[in-house]
N, C-alpha and C. Protein backbone atom coordinates (compact mmCIF):
# COMPACT_ATOMS: atom_id res chain seq x y z
N MET A 1 -13.28 -16.94 0.89
CA MET A 1 -12.19 -16.03 0.59
C MET A 1 -10.87 -16.63 1.07
N ALA A 2 -9.83 -16.50 0.24
CA ALA A 2 -8.50 -16.97 0.61
C ALA A 2 -7.98 -16.15 1.80
N ARG A 3 -7.02 -16.69 2.50
CA ARG A 3 -6.52 -16.02 3.71
C ARG A 3 -5.78 -14.72 3.40
N SER A 4 -5.55 -13.95 4.42
CA SER A 4 -4.89 -12.66 4.31
C SER A 4 -3.47 -12.81 3.80
N LEU A 5 -3.01 -11.80 3.09
CA LEU A 5 -1.62 -11.74 2.62
C LEU A 5 -0.71 -11.08 3.65
N ASP A 6 -1.27 -10.53 4.71
CA ASP A 6 -0.49 -9.76 5.66
C ASP A 6 0.64 -10.58 6.27
N GLY A 7 1.86 -10.10 6.09
CA GLY A 7 3.04 -10.74 6.65
C GLY A 7 3.61 -11.87 5.81
N LEU A 8 3.00 -12.16 4.66
CA LEU A 8 3.48 -13.26 3.82
C LEU A 8 4.57 -12.80 2.87
N VAL A 9 5.48 -13.72 2.54
CA VAL A 9 6.50 -13.50 1.53
C VAL A 9 6.17 -14.42 0.36
N LEU A 10 6.06 -13.84 -0.83
CA LEU A 10 5.72 -14.59 -2.03
C LEU A 10 6.83 -14.43 -3.06
N SER A 11 6.94 -15.40 -3.97
CA SER A 11 7.92 -15.32 -5.04
C SER A 11 7.36 -15.94 -6.31
N PRO A 12 7.82 -15.45 -7.47
CA PRO A 12 7.38 -15.99 -8.75
C PRO A 12 7.80 -17.45 -8.90
N VAL A 13 6.97 -18.23 -9.60
CA VAL A 13 7.30 -19.63 -9.85
C VAL A 13 8.16 -19.78 -11.11
N ALA A 14 8.27 -18.71 -11.92
CA ALA A 14 9.09 -18.74 -13.13
C ALA A 14 9.67 -17.35 -13.37
N ASP A 15 10.77 -17.30 -14.11
CA ASP A 15 11.39 -16.03 -14.46
C ASP A 15 10.60 -15.34 -15.56
N GLN A 16 10.59 -14.00 -15.51
CA GLN A 16 10.03 -13.20 -16.60
C GLN A 16 11.19 -12.84 -17.52
N ALA A 17 11.13 -11.74 -18.20
CA ALA A 17 12.20 -11.30 -19.09
C ALA A 17 13.47 -11.04 -18.29
N PRO A 18 14.64 -11.19 -18.92
CA PRO A 18 15.91 -10.93 -18.22
C PRO A 18 15.92 -9.54 -17.59
N GLY A 19 16.43 -9.46 -16.35
CA GLY A 19 16.53 -8.19 -15.66
C GLY A 19 15.25 -7.73 -15.01
N GLN A 20 14.22 -8.56 -15.01
CA GLN A 20 12.95 -8.19 -14.42
C GLN A 20 12.65 -9.09 -13.23
N VAL A 21 11.40 -9.10 -12.80
CA VAL A 21 10.96 -9.97 -11.71
C VAL A 21 11.20 -11.42 -12.11
N GLY A 22 11.69 -12.22 -11.17
CA GLY A 22 11.94 -13.63 -11.44
C GLY A 22 11.97 -14.44 -10.16
N THR A 23 12.40 -15.67 -10.25
CA THR A 23 12.38 -16.58 -9.11
C THR A 23 13.25 -16.09 -7.95
N GLY A 24 14.18 -15.19 -8.21
CA GLY A 24 15.00 -14.61 -7.14
C GLY A 24 14.37 -13.41 -6.46
N THR A 25 13.21 -12.99 -6.92
CA THR A 25 12.52 -11.82 -6.36
C THR A 25 11.62 -12.25 -5.22
N ARG A 26 11.61 -11.49 -4.14
CA ARG A 26 10.74 -11.77 -2.99
C ARG A 26 9.86 -10.56 -2.73
N PHE A 27 8.55 -10.82 -2.57
CA PHE A 27 7.55 -9.81 -2.29
C PHE A 27 7.11 -9.95 -0.84
N ALA A 28 7.28 -8.91 -0.04
CA ALA A 28 6.85 -8.91 1.36
C ALA A 28 5.53 -8.15 1.44
N TYR A 29 4.42 -8.88 1.57
CA TYR A 29 3.08 -8.30 1.52
C TYR A 29 2.57 -7.85 2.88
N ARG A 30 1.75 -6.80 2.83
CA ARG A 30 0.99 -6.32 3.98
C ARG A 30 -0.45 -6.13 3.51
N GLU A 31 -1.39 -6.29 4.41
CA GLU A 31 -2.80 -6.13 4.08
C GLU A 31 -3.55 -5.64 5.31
N LEU A 32 -4.44 -4.66 5.10
CA LEU A 32 -5.25 -4.14 6.18
C LEU A 32 -6.51 -3.50 5.60
N ASP A 33 -7.65 -3.96 6.04
CA ASP A 33 -8.94 -3.35 5.69
C ASP A 33 -9.12 -3.11 4.19
N GLY A 34 -8.82 -4.11 3.37
CA GLY A 34 -9.01 -3.99 1.93
C GLY A 34 -7.89 -3.29 1.19
N ARG A 35 -6.86 -2.87 1.91
CA ARG A 35 -5.69 -2.25 1.28
C ARG A 35 -4.55 -3.25 1.28
N ILE A 36 -3.77 -3.28 0.20
CA ILE A 36 -2.59 -4.14 0.13
C ILE A 36 -1.39 -3.31 -0.32
N TRP A 37 -0.21 -3.74 0.12
CA TRP A 37 1.02 -3.13 -0.33
C TRP A 37 2.15 -4.11 -0.11
N ALA A 38 3.23 -3.92 -0.85
CA ALA A 38 4.38 -4.81 -0.70
C ALA A 38 5.63 -4.10 -1.19
N ASP A 39 6.74 -4.45 -0.57
CA ASP A 39 8.06 -4.10 -1.07
C ASP A 39 8.63 -5.36 -1.70
N TYR A 40 9.40 -5.20 -2.76
CA TYR A 40 10.02 -6.36 -3.38
C TYR A 40 11.40 -6.04 -3.91
N ALA A 41 12.24 -7.07 -3.96
CA ALA A 41 13.60 -6.94 -4.44
C ALA A 41 14.14 -8.33 -4.73
N GLY A 42 15.25 -8.37 -5.46
CA GLY A 42 15.91 -9.63 -5.77
C GLY A 42 15.89 -9.90 -7.26
N GLY A 43 16.83 -10.76 -7.69
CA GLY A 43 16.96 -11.00 -9.13
C GLY A 43 17.40 -9.71 -9.79
N GLY A 44 16.70 -9.30 -10.83
CA GLY A 44 17.03 -8.08 -11.55
C GLY A 44 16.48 -6.82 -10.92
N ILE A 45 15.78 -6.93 -9.79
CA ILE A 45 15.13 -5.79 -9.16
C ILE A 45 15.92 -5.31 -7.94
N VAL A 46 16.30 -4.03 -7.94
CA VAL A 46 16.95 -3.43 -6.78
C VAL A 46 15.91 -3.10 -5.72
N HIS A 47 14.83 -2.46 -6.16
CA HIS A 47 13.74 -2.11 -5.24
C HIS A 47 12.46 -1.93 -6.02
N GLY A 48 11.38 -2.47 -5.47
CA GLY A 48 10.07 -2.29 -6.06
C GLY A 48 9.04 -2.10 -4.97
N HIS A 49 7.93 -1.47 -5.34
CA HIS A 49 6.85 -1.24 -4.39
C HIS A 49 5.54 -1.36 -5.14
N LEU A 50 4.56 -1.97 -4.49
CA LEU A 50 3.22 -2.02 -5.06
C LEU A 50 2.21 -1.59 -4.02
N VAL A 51 1.10 -1.03 -4.49
CA VAL A 51 0.05 -0.56 -3.60
C VAL A 51 -1.29 -0.67 -4.33
N GLY A 52 -2.31 -1.12 -3.58
CA GLY A 52 -3.61 -1.25 -4.20
C GLY A 52 -4.67 -1.72 -3.22
N THR A 53 -5.68 -2.37 -3.77
CA THR A 53 -6.82 -2.79 -2.98
C THR A 53 -7.12 -4.27 -3.19
N ARG A 54 -7.86 -4.82 -2.24
CA ARG A 54 -8.34 -6.19 -2.34
C ARG A 54 -9.84 -6.18 -2.12
N GLU A 55 -10.57 -6.78 -3.05
CA GLU A 55 -12.01 -6.99 -2.90
C GLU A 55 -12.25 -8.47 -3.08
N ALA A 56 -12.65 -9.14 -1.98
CA ALA A 56 -12.77 -10.61 -1.95
C ALA A 56 -11.41 -11.19 -2.32
N ASP A 57 -11.33 -11.97 -3.37
CA ASP A 57 -10.06 -12.59 -3.75
C ASP A 57 -9.41 -11.96 -4.98
N VAL A 58 -9.74 -10.69 -5.23
CA VAL A 58 -9.14 -9.98 -6.37
C VAL A 58 -8.34 -8.78 -5.86
N LEU A 59 -7.07 -8.74 -6.26
CA LEU A 59 -6.19 -7.62 -5.97
C LEU A 59 -6.11 -6.73 -7.20
N ASP A 60 -6.10 -5.43 -7.00
CA ASP A 60 -5.93 -4.47 -8.08
C ASP A 60 -4.89 -3.47 -7.60
N PHE A 61 -3.72 -3.45 -8.24
CA PHE A 61 -2.66 -2.60 -7.74
C PHE A 61 -1.79 -2.03 -8.85
N ARG A 62 -1.06 -0.98 -8.50
CA ARG A 62 -0.03 -0.38 -9.34
C ARG A 62 1.32 -0.75 -8.72
N TYR A 63 2.33 -0.85 -9.59
CA TYR A 63 3.68 -1.15 -9.11
C TYR A 63 4.69 -0.25 -9.80
N VAL A 64 5.81 -0.03 -9.12
CA VAL A 64 6.92 0.74 -9.65
C VAL A 64 8.20 0.07 -9.18
N GLN A 65 9.21 0.05 -10.06
CA GLN A 65 10.44 -0.66 -9.69
C GLN A 65 11.67 -0.02 -10.31
N LEU A 66 12.81 -0.31 -9.66
CA LEU A 66 14.13 0.11 -10.12
C LEU A 66 14.92 -1.16 -10.40
N THR A 67 15.47 -1.29 -11.61
CA THR A 67 16.23 -2.49 -11.96
C THR A 67 17.72 -2.26 -11.77
N ARG A 68 18.48 -3.35 -11.80
CA ARG A 68 19.92 -3.29 -11.58
C ARG A 68 20.64 -2.40 -12.59
N ASP A 69 20.09 -2.26 -13.79
CA ASP A 69 20.73 -1.41 -14.80
C ASP A 69 20.35 0.07 -14.64
N GLY A 70 19.60 0.42 -13.58
CA GLY A 70 19.25 1.80 -13.30
C GLY A 70 17.97 2.28 -13.94
N ALA A 71 17.25 1.41 -14.63
CA ALA A 71 15.99 1.80 -15.27
C ALA A 71 14.84 1.73 -14.27
N THR A 72 13.87 2.60 -14.44
CA THR A 72 12.64 2.55 -13.67
C THR A 72 11.50 2.15 -14.59
N ALA A 73 10.47 1.54 -14.01
CA ALA A 73 9.30 1.13 -14.78
C ALA A 73 8.10 1.07 -13.85
N SER A 74 6.90 1.22 -14.43
CA SER A 74 5.68 1.16 -13.63
C SER A 74 4.59 0.46 -14.42
N GLY A 75 3.61 -0.08 -13.68
CA GLY A 75 2.53 -0.78 -14.35
C GLY A 75 1.35 -1.05 -13.46
N HIS A 76 0.42 -1.81 -13.99
CA HIS A 76 -0.84 -2.16 -13.34
C HIS A 76 -1.00 -3.67 -13.35
N CYS A 77 -1.56 -4.23 -12.27
CA CYS A 77 -1.75 -5.67 -12.18
C CYS A 77 -3.07 -5.98 -11.49
N VAL A 78 -3.74 -7.02 -11.98
CA VAL A 78 -4.93 -7.57 -11.33
C VAL A 78 -4.61 -9.03 -11.05
N SER A 79 -4.76 -9.43 -9.79
CA SER A 79 -4.40 -10.79 -9.36
C SER A 79 -5.57 -11.46 -8.66
N THR A 80 -5.67 -12.76 -8.84
CA THR A 80 -6.65 -13.56 -8.12
C THR A 80 -5.93 -14.38 -7.07
N VAL A 81 -6.40 -14.31 -5.83
CA VAL A 81 -5.78 -15.00 -4.70
C VAL A 81 -6.48 -16.34 -4.50
N THR A 82 -5.69 -17.41 -4.39
CA THR A 82 -6.26 -18.72 -4.07
C THR A 82 -5.39 -19.39 -3.02
N ASP A 83 -6.00 -20.30 -2.27
CA ASP A 83 -5.27 -21.12 -1.32
C ASP A 83 -4.86 -22.41 -2.02
N LEU A 84 -3.59 -22.78 -1.90
CA LEU A 84 -3.10 -24.04 -2.45
C LEU A 84 -3.44 -25.19 -1.51
N PRO A 85 -3.49 -26.42 -2.04
CA PRO A 85 -3.82 -27.58 -1.20
C PRO A 85 -2.88 -27.75 0.01
N ASP A 86 -1.62 -27.28 -0.12
CA ASP A 86 -0.67 -27.42 0.98
C ASP A 86 -0.77 -26.27 2.00
N GLY A 87 -1.76 -25.35 1.81
CA GLY A 87 -1.98 -24.27 2.76
C GLY A 87 -1.33 -22.95 2.38
N ARG A 88 -0.47 -22.96 1.37
CA ARG A 88 0.16 -21.71 0.93
C ARG A 88 -0.80 -20.92 0.04
N VAL A 89 -0.45 -19.66 -0.19
CA VAL A 89 -1.26 -18.76 -1.02
C VAL A 89 -0.63 -18.64 -2.40
N ARG A 90 -1.49 -18.50 -3.43
CA ARG A 90 -1.05 -18.33 -4.82
C ARG A 90 -1.76 -17.12 -5.41
N LEU A 91 -1.03 -16.33 -6.21
CA LEU A 91 -1.61 -15.23 -6.97
C LEU A 91 -1.45 -15.52 -8.45
N ASP A 92 -2.56 -15.54 -9.18
CA ASP A 92 -2.54 -15.62 -10.64
C ASP A 92 -2.71 -14.20 -11.15
N GLU A 93 -1.69 -13.70 -11.85
CA GLU A 93 -1.61 -12.29 -12.17
C GLU A 93 -1.73 -12.00 -13.66
N GLU A 94 -2.40 -10.91 -13.97
CA GLU A 94 -2.42 -10.33 -15.31
C GLU A 94 -1.91 -8.91 -15.17
N TRP A 95 -0.79 -8.61 -15.83
CA TRP A 95 -0.15 -7.32 -15.64
C TRP A 95 0.09 -6.63 -16.98
N GLU A 96 0.29 -5.32 -16.90
CA GLU A 96 0.63 -4.53 -18.07
C GLU A 96 1.50 -3.37 -17.64
N TRP A 97 2.51 -3.09 -18.45
CA TRP A 97 3.34 -1.93 -18.20
C TRP A 97 2.55 -0.68 -18.55
N GLU A 98 2.74 0.38 -17.77
CA GLU A 98 2.17 1.68 -18.10
C GLU A 98 3.26 2.64 -18.57
N SER A 99 4.50 2.35 -18.24
CA SER A 99 5.61 3.22 -18.60
C SER A 99 6.29 2.80 -19.91
N ARG A 100 5.86 1.66 -20.46
CA ARG A 100 6.42 1.16 -21.72
C ARG A 100 5.46 0.13 -22.31
N GLU A 101 5.79 -0.41 -23.43
CA GLU A 101 4.96 -1.43 -24.07
C GLU A 101 5.12 -2.77 -23.37
N GLY A 102 4.04 -3.56 -23.34
CA GLY A 102 4.14 -4.93 -22.86
C GLY A 102 3.10 -5.29 -21.82
N SER A 103 2.75 -6.57 -21.81
CA SER A 103 1.80 -7.12 -20.84
C SER A 103 2.03 -8.61 -20.76
N GLY A 104 1.42 -9.26 -19.76
CA GLY A 104 1.60 -10.70 -19.64
C GLY A 104 0.89 -11.26 -18.43
N THR A 105 1.21 -12.49 -18.13
CA THR A 105 0.67 -13.17 -16.95
C THR A 105 1.83 -13.75 -16.16
N SER A 106 1.59 -13.96 -14.90
CA SER A 106 2.58 -14.59 -14.02
C SER A 106 1.88 -15.26 -12.86
N VAL A 107 2.62 -16.12 -12.17
CA VAL A 107 2.13 -16.81 -10.98
C VAL A 107 3.13 -16.57 -9.86
N VAL A 108 2.61 -16.15 -8.71
CA VAL A 108 3.42 -15.90 -7.53
C VAL A 108 2.84 -16.74 -6.40
N GLU A 109 3.72 -17.44 -5.67
CA GLU A 109 3.25 -18.30 -4.58
C GLU A 109 3.99 -17.98 -3.30
N GLU A 110 3.31 -18.25 -2.19
CA GLU A 110 3.93 -18.08 -0.88
C GLU A 110 5.20 -18.91 -0.84
N ALA A 111 6.30 -18.26 -0.42
CA ALA A 111 7.60 -18.92 -0.38
C ALA A 111 7.61 -20.00 0.70
N LEU A 112 8.29 -21.10 0.39
CA LEU A 112 8.47 -22.15 1.38
C LEU A 112 9.43 -21.68 2.45
N SER A 113 9.16 -21.95 3.68
CA SER A 113 10.04 -21.48 4.78
C SER A 113 11.33 -22.24 4.80
């Protein structure tokens, strides 16, 4: 099993659609006893929050966010956690909006200090 996400800061390796999560977004993760949660902001996001569970190296969570243009959105994501060769953590994500149309994939990695 990959290491805990507790206390880690992760960021996307590429931008998504304009005004959404992107390389300027930072996710501050917490993890305890199979539960995960994170606050995130930056780029097109004023404030976001995710909450869910972890079973082995699979995360299953819901997210909700407020964008700079004042819109809110929510969705569901399933991520696989892996350790990178340099010791950082990577999440390979499959997500879908629940509040509007759309789905996709993304990669989020532990931010370099």
